[in-house]
């Protein structure tokens, strides 16, 4: 399992990604660094380790997971739309 995969399975990174996405949906986008800074204040060192060591890596993990999450949502929405159209 590579490092990005283990990060993507982390509940902490998933939650941060959801906050990032929610900000975009509500048209009040938050900066990645602000989200990560807030999570740093809330989590223990062990829990925060899922974000990585380097600040640029942390931001990269969050954005990579965000892109992956969006692709998954788009595929799910397309399948659901296709199923409703056929019925």
Protein backbone atom coordinates (compact mmCIF):
# COMPACT_ATOMS: atom_id res chain seq x y z
CA UNK A 1 0.00 0.00 0.00
CA UNK A 2 1.56 3.31 -1.02
CA UNK A 3 1.49 6.44 1.14
CA UNK A 4 -1.28 8.19 -0.80
CA UNK A 5 -3.55 5.16 -0.47
CA UNK A 6 -3.04 5.01 3.28
CA UNK A 7 -3.76 8.73 3.52
CA UNK A 8 -6.89 8.38 1.45
CA UNK A 9 -8.19 5.76 3.87
CA UNK A 10 -7.72 8.11 6.83
CA UNK A 11 -10.89 9.43 8.44
CA UNK A 12 -9.13 12.69 9.30
CA UNK A 13 -8.12 13.43 5.70
CA UNK A 14 -11.56 12.38 4.49
CA UNK A 15 -13.19 14.82 6.90
CA UNK A 16 -10.85 17.62 5.79
CA UNK A 17 -11.70 16.86 2.16
CA UNK A 18 -15.41 17.01 2.94
CA UNK A 19 -14.97 20.42 4.60
CA UNK A 20 -13.05 21.63 1.55
CA UNK A 21 -15.84 20.41 -0.74
CA UNK A 22 -18.59 21.85 1.49
CA UNK A 23 -16.96 25.26 1.34
CA UNK A 24 -17.01 25.14 -2.45
CA UNK A 25 -20.64 24.01 -2.55
CA UNK A 26 -21.72 26.81 -0.22
CA UNK A 27 -19.70 29.30 -2.30
CA UNK A 28 -17.49 30.11 0.69
CA UNK A 29 -14.33 28.25 -0.29
CA UNK A 30 -11.72 27.75 2.41
CA UNK A 31 -8.01 27.58 1.74
CA UNK A 32 -6.37 24.19 2.17
CA UNK A 33 -3.84 25.64 4.59
CA UNK A 34 -6.65 27.01 6.81
CA UNK A 35 -8.41 23.65 6.91
CA UNK A 36 -5.17 21.86 7.71
CA UNK A 37 -4.31 24.44 10.39
CA UNK A 38 -7.71 23.90 12.04
CA UNK A 39 -7.28 20.12 11.98
CA UNK A 40 -3.79 20.52 13.46
CA UNK A 41 -5.29 22.40 16.41
CA UNK A 42 -7.99 19.75 16.95
CA UNK A 43 -6.09 16.47 16.47
CA UNK A 44 -3.39 14.70 18.44
CA UNK A 45 0.07 14.32 16.91
CA UNK A 46 -0.67 10.68 16.07
CA UNK A 47 -3.94 11.51 14.32
CA UNK A 48 -2.44 14.46 12.47
CA UNK A 49 0.38 12.26 11.16
CA UNK A 50 -2.06 10.98 8.50
CA UNK A 51 -1.70 14.34 6.74
CA UNK A 52 2.04 13.84 6.15
CA UNK A 53 5.14 15.65 7.33
CA UNK A 54 5.71 18.40 4.81
CA UNK A 55 3.16 21.26 4.48
CA UNK A 56 3.25 21.01 0.67
CA UNK A 57 2.67 17.26 0.89
CA UNK A 58 -0.28 17.82 3.24
CA UNK A 59 -1.90 20.19 0.77
CA UNK A 60 -1.16 17.79 -2.08
CA UNK A 61 -2.76 14.86 -0.25
CA UNK A 62 -5.86 16.90 0.49
CA UNK A 63 -6.21 18.08 -3.12
CA UNK A 64 -5.49 14.62 -4.53
CA UNK A 65 -8.15 13.08 -2.33
CA UNK A 66 -10.55 15.89 -3.26
CA UNK A 67 -10.05 15.18 -6.97
CA UNK A 68 -10.48 11.45 -6.43
CA UNK A 69 -13.63 12.05 -4.38
CA UNK A 70 -15.11 14.26 -7.12
CA UNK A 71 -14.44 11.64 -9.78
CA UNK A 72 -16.17 9.02 -7.65
CA UNK A 73 -19.18 11.28 -7.05
CA UNK A 74 -19.47 12.07 -10.76
CA UNK A 75 -19.42 8.38 -11.68
CA UNK A 76 -22.03 7.59 -9.02
CA UNK A 77 -24.25 10.43 -10.19
CA UNK A 78 -23.92 9.34 -13.82
CA UNK A 79 -24.90 5.76 -12.96
CA UNK A 80 -27.84 6.91 -10.84
CA UNK A 81 -29.03 9.26 -13.60
CA UNK A 82 -28.66 6.53 -16.20
CA UNK A 83 -30.69 4.08 -14.08
CA UNK A 84 -33.52 6.57 -13.60
CA UNK A 85 -33.62 7.38 -17.30
CA UNK A 86 -34.02 3.74 -18.28
CA UNK A 87 -36.87 2.99 -15.88
